[in-house]
C-alpha cells in the first residue's frame, strides 16, 4: 500500500530544495509533505521522518510552516490536508 504519491513536491520550500539538490530528492520531499499534512505513525515512517528532519531541520520547518498556513483545499498547489 502506498501512503503517498511519488509526484512532484507541492510546497514552495520543497520545490526550491529539489531545484537546488536535484530530482533524486523528490521522493523524500513528497514524503515530508505528506508526513506534515497527515502523519502515519508506523515505525518505518516515523524513523524516516526523524532522519530527514535531523538532516534538514530548516527544510522540515519550512515545509511544516507552509502546510500549516494552508487554510483552503486549493492552496499550496492542492496539498491534501485530510484530517
N, C-alpha and C. Protein backbone atom coordinates (compact mmCIF):
# COMPACT_ATOMS: atom_id res chain seq x y z
N UNK A 1 0.84 -1.17 0.00
CA UNK A 1 0.00 0.00 0.00
C UNK A 1 0.89 1.24 0.00
N UNK A 2 0.63 2.15 -0.91
CA UNK A 2 1.38 3.39 -0.98
C UNK A 2 0.72 4.43 -0.11
N UNK A 3 1.48 5.05 0.76
CA UNK A 3 0.94 6.04 1.68
C UNK A 3 0.93 7.44 1.07
N UNK A 4 1.67 7.65 0.01
CA UNK A 4 1.73 8.95 -0.63
C UNK A 4 2.09 8.75 -2.09
N UNK A 5 1.77 9.71 -2.89
CA UNK A 5 2.04 9.63 -4.31
C UNK A 5 3.44 10.16 -4.60
N UNK A 6 4.17 9.47 -5.44
CA UNK A 6 5.52 9.91 -5.79
C UNK A 6 5.47 10.87 -6.98
N UNK A 7 4.81 11.98 -6.79
CA UNK A 7 4.75 13.02 -7.78
C UNK A 7 5.76 14.09 -7.43
N UNK A 8 5.61 15.22 -8.01
CA UNK A 8 6.48 16.34 -7.70
C UNK A 8 6.06 16.96 -6.38
N UNK A 9 7.00 17.54 -5.63
CA UNK A 9 6.66 18.24 -4.40
C UNK A 9 5.70 19.39 -4.70
N UNK A 10 4.86 19.71 -3.72
CA UNK A 10 3.85 20.73 -3.94
C UNK A 10 4.11 22.03 -3.20
N UNK A 11 4.85 22.00 -2.11
CA UNK A 11 5.13 23.25 -1.39
C UNK A 11 6.29 23.98 -2.06
N UNK A 12 6.28 25.28 -1.87
CA UNK A 12 7.36 26.10 -2.44
C UNK A 12 8.72 25.69 -1.87
N UNK A 13 8.76 25.46 -0.56
CA UNK A 13 10.02 25.08 0.10
C UNK A 13 10.58 23.78 -0.47
N UNK A 14 9.72 22.80 -0.68
CA UNK A 14 10.17 21.51 -1.21
C UNK A 14 10.60 21.63 -2.67
N UNK A 15 9.86 22.39 -3.46
CA UNK A 15 10.24 22.58 -4.87
C UNK A 15 11.58 23.31 -4.97
N UNK A 16 11.79 24.28 -4.09
CA UNK A 16 13.06 25.02 -4.08
C UNK A 16 14.21 24.08 -3.72
N UNK A 17 14.01 23.21 -2.72
CA UNK A 17 15.05 22.24 -2.33
C UNK A 17 15.35 21.29 -3.47
N UNK A 18 14.32 20.84 -4.18
CA UNK A 18 14.54 19.93 -5.29
C UNK A 18 15.29 20.62 -6.42
N UNK A 19 14.98 21.89 -6.66
CA UNK A 19 15.69 22.63 -7.70
C UNK A 19 17.16 22.79 -7.35
N UNK A 20 17.44 22.94 -6.07
CA UNK A 20 18.82 23.11 -5.61
C UNK A 20 19.59 21.79 -5.58
N UNK A 21 18.96 20.74 -5.10
CA UNK A 21 19.66 19.47 -4.85
C UNK A 21 19.36 18.37 -5.86
N UNK A 22 18.44 18.59 -6.77
CA UNK A 22 18.17 17.61 -7.81
C UNK A 22 16.92 16.77 -7.57
N UNK A 23 16.51 16.12 -8.64
CA UNK A 23 15.27 15.34 -8.61
C UNK A 23 15.38 14.07 -7.79
N UNK A 24 16.58 13.68 -7.41
CA UNK A 24 16.73 12.48 -6.57
C UNK A 24 16.07 12.66 -5.21
N UNK A 25 15.82 13.89 -4.82
CA UNK A 25 15.19 14.18 -3.53
C UNK A 25 13.68 14.15 -3.59
N UNK A 26 13.09 14.00 -4.76
CA UNK A 26 11.64 14.13 -4.92
C UNK A 26 10.87 13.22 -3.97
N UNK A 27 11.26 11.96 -3.88
CA UNK A 27 10.53 11.02 -3.02
C UNK A 27 10.57 11.46 -1.56
N UNK A 28 11.72 11.91 -1.08
CA UNK A 28 11.83 12.37 0.30
C UNK A 28 11.01 13.63 0.54
N UNK A 29 11.01 14.52 -0.43
CA UNK A 29 10.27 15.77 -0.28
C UNK A 29 8.76 15.54 -0.27
N UNK A 30 8.30 14.67 -1.16
CA UNK A 30 6.87 14.34 -1.19
C UNK A 30 6.49 13.63 0.11
N UNK A 31 7.37 12.75 0.59
CA UNK A 31 7.13 12.07 1.86
C UNK A 31 7.00 13.10 3.00
N UNK A 32 7.91 14.07 3.04
CA UNK A 32 7.85 15.09 4.10
C UNK A 32 6.55 15.88 4.05
N UNK A 33 6.14 16.26 2.84
CA UNK A 33 4.89 16.99 2.72
C UNK A 33 3.72 16.16 3.23
N UNK A 34 3.69 14.90 2.84
CA UNK A 34 2.61 14.04 3.29
C UNK A 34 2.69 13.83 4.80
N UNK A 35 3.87 13.63 5.33
CA UNK A 35 4.05 13.42 6.76
C UNK A 35 3.54 14.62 7.55
N UNK A 36 3.84 15.82 7.08
CA UNK A 36 3.41 17.03 7.78
C UNK A 36 1.90 17.23 7.69
N UNK A 37 1.28 16.81 6.60
CA UNK A 37 -0.16 17.02 6.47
C UNK A 37 -0.97 15.89 7.08
N UNK A 38 -0.51 14.65 6.95
CA UNK A 38 -1.23 13.50 7.50
C UNK A 38 -0.24 12.44 7.95
N UNK A 39 0.39 12.62 9.11
CA UNK A 39 1.40 11.64 9.56
C UNK A 39 0.78 10.27 9.83
N UNK A 40 1.49 9.25 9.42
CA UNK A 40 1.08 7.87 9.65
C UNK A 40 2.10 7.29 10.63
N UNK A 41 1.69 7.03 11.86
CA UNK A 41 2.65 6.66 12.90
C UNK A 41 3.09 5.19 12.85
N UNK A 42 3.65 4.79 11.73
CA UNK A 42 4.27 3.47 11.68
C UNK A 42 5.73 3.64 12.04
N UNK A 43 6.36 2.58 12.49
CA UNK A 43 7.76 2.67 12.89
C UNK A 43 8.63 3.15 11.75
N UNK A 44 8.44 2.59 10.56
CA UNK A 44 9.31 2.97 9.44
C UNK A 44 9.09 4.41 9.01
N UNK A 45 7.84 4.87 8.95
CA UNK A 45 7.61 6.25 8.53
C UNK A 45 8.09 7.24 9.59
N UNK A 46 7.94 6.89 10.85
CA UNK A 46 8.43 7.75 11.92
C UNK A 46 9.94 7.88 11.86
N UNK A 47 10.63 6.77 11.68
CA UNK A 47 12.10 6.80 11.58
C UNK A 47 12.56 7.59 10.37
N UNK A 48 11.87 7.40 9.24
CA UNK A 48 12.24 8.15 8.03
C UNK A 48 12.05 9.64 8.25
N UNK A 49 10.93 10.03 8.82
CA UNK A 49 10.68 11.45 9.07
C UNK A 49 11.73 12.03 10.02
N UNK A 50 12.07 11.30 11.07
CA UNK A 50 13.06 11.78 12.02
C UNK A 50 14.44 11.91 11.39
N UNK A 51 14.81 10.97 10.52
CA UNK A 51 16.11 11.05 9.84
C UNK A 51 16.19 12.27 8.94
N UNK A 52 15.13 12.49 8.16
CA UNK A 52 15.12 13.63 7.25
C UNK A 52 15.11 14.93 8.06
N UNK A 53 14.32 14.96 9.13
CA UNK A 53 14.25 16.16 9.97
C UNK A 53 15.61 16.46 10.61
N UNK A 54 16.31 15.43 11.04
CA UNK A 54 17.63 15.63 11.65
C UNK A 54 18.63 16.16 10.63
N UNK A 55 18.56 15.67 9.41
CA UNK A 55 19.48 16.09 8.36
C UNK A 55 19.13 17.47 7.80
N UNK A 56 17.84 17.83 7.81
CA UNK A 56 17.39 19.08 7.20
C UNK A 56 16.35 19.78 8.07
N UNK A 57 16.72 20.22 9.27
CA UNK A 57 15.70 20.81 10.15
C UNK A 57 15.06 22.08 9.59
N UNK A 58 15.82 22.89 8.87
CA UNK A 58 15.26 24.12 8.31
C UNK A 58 14.25 23.79 7.22
N UNK A 59 14.56 22.81 6.38
CA UNK A 59 13.65 22.41 5.32
C UNK A 59 12.37 21.84 5.91
N UNK A 60 12.49 20.98 6.91
CA UNK A 60 11.32 20.39 7.55
C UNK A 60 10.45 21.48 8.15
N UNK A 61 11.06 22.47 8.79
CA UNK A 61 10.30 23.57 9.38
C UNK A 61 9.61 24.40 8.31
N UNK A 62 10.30 24.67 7.21
CA UNK A 62 9.71 25.46 6.13
C UNK A 62 8.51 24.74 5.51
N UNK A 63 8.64 23.44 5.28
CA UNK A 63 7.53 22.66 4.73
C UNK A 63 6.37 22.65 5.73
N UNK A 64 6.68 22.42 6.99
CA UNK A 64 5.66 22.39 8.03
C UNK A 64 4.92 23.72 8.11
N UNK A 65 5.65 24.82 8.13
CA UNK A 65 5.04 26.14 8.20
C UNK A 65 4.14 26.41 7.01
N UNK A 66 4.60 26.02 5.82
CA UNK A 66 3.82 26.25 4.61
C UNK A 66 2.52 25.44 4.63
N UNK A 67 2.60 24.21 5.06
CA UNK A 67 1.40 23.37 5.11
C UNK A 67 0.43 23.87 6.18
N UNK A 68 0.96 24.26 7.33
CA UNK A 68 0.09 24.77 8.40
C UNK A 68 -0.58 26.09 8.01
N UNK A 69 0.05 26.86 7.12
CA UNK A 69 -0.51 28.13 6.68
C UNK A 69 -1.68 27.94 5.71
N UNK A 70 -1.79 26.77 5.14
CA UNK A 70 -2.87 26.50 4.20
C UNK A 70 -4.19 26.38 4.94
N UNK A 71 -5.17 27.13 4.49
CA UNK A 71 -6.49 27.06 5.12
C UNK A 71 -7.57 26.59 4.16
N UNK A 72 -7.26 26.52 2.87
CA UNK A 72 -8.22 26.07 1.87
C UNK A 72 -7.66 24.84 1.16
N UNK A 73 -8.53 23.94 0.70
CA UNK A 73 -8.04 22.76 -0.03
C UNK A 73 -7.27 23.12 -1.29
N UNK A 74 -7.56 24.29 -1.87
CA UNK A 74 -6.91 24.66 -3.12
C UNK A 74 -5.56 25.34 -2.94
N UNK A 75 -5.22 25.71 -1.72
CA UNK A 75 -3.95 26.41 -1.52
C UNK A 75 -2.77 25.46 -1.61
N UNK A 76 -1.59 26.00 -1.70
CA UNK A 76 -0.35 25.23 -1.76
C UNK A 76 -0.38 24.19 -2.88
N UNK A 77 -0.94 24.58 -4.02
CA UNK A 77 -1.00 23.68 -5.17
C UNK A 77 -1.61 22.33 -4.84
N UNK A 78 -2.76 22.39 -4.17
CA UNK A 78 -3.56 21.20 -3.89
C UNK A 78 -2.95 20.26 -2.86
N UNK A 79 -2.28 20.76 -1.85
CA UNK A 79 -1.78 19.89 -0.79
C UNK A 79 -2.98 19.35 -0.04
N UNK A 80 -3.04 18.09 0.11
CA UNK A 80 -4.16 17.46 0.78
C UNK A 80 -3.96 17.53 2.28
N UNK A 81 -5.00 17.99 2.97
CA UNK A 81 -4.96 18.06 4.43
C UNK A 81 -6.08 17.24 5.00
N UNK A 82 -6.10 15.97 4.67
CA UNK A 82 -7.15 15.09 5.17
C UNK A 82 -6.94 14.85 6.65
N UNK A 83 -7.83 15.34 7.44
CA UNK A 83 -7.71 15.17 8.89
C UNK A 83 -8.84 14.34 9.39
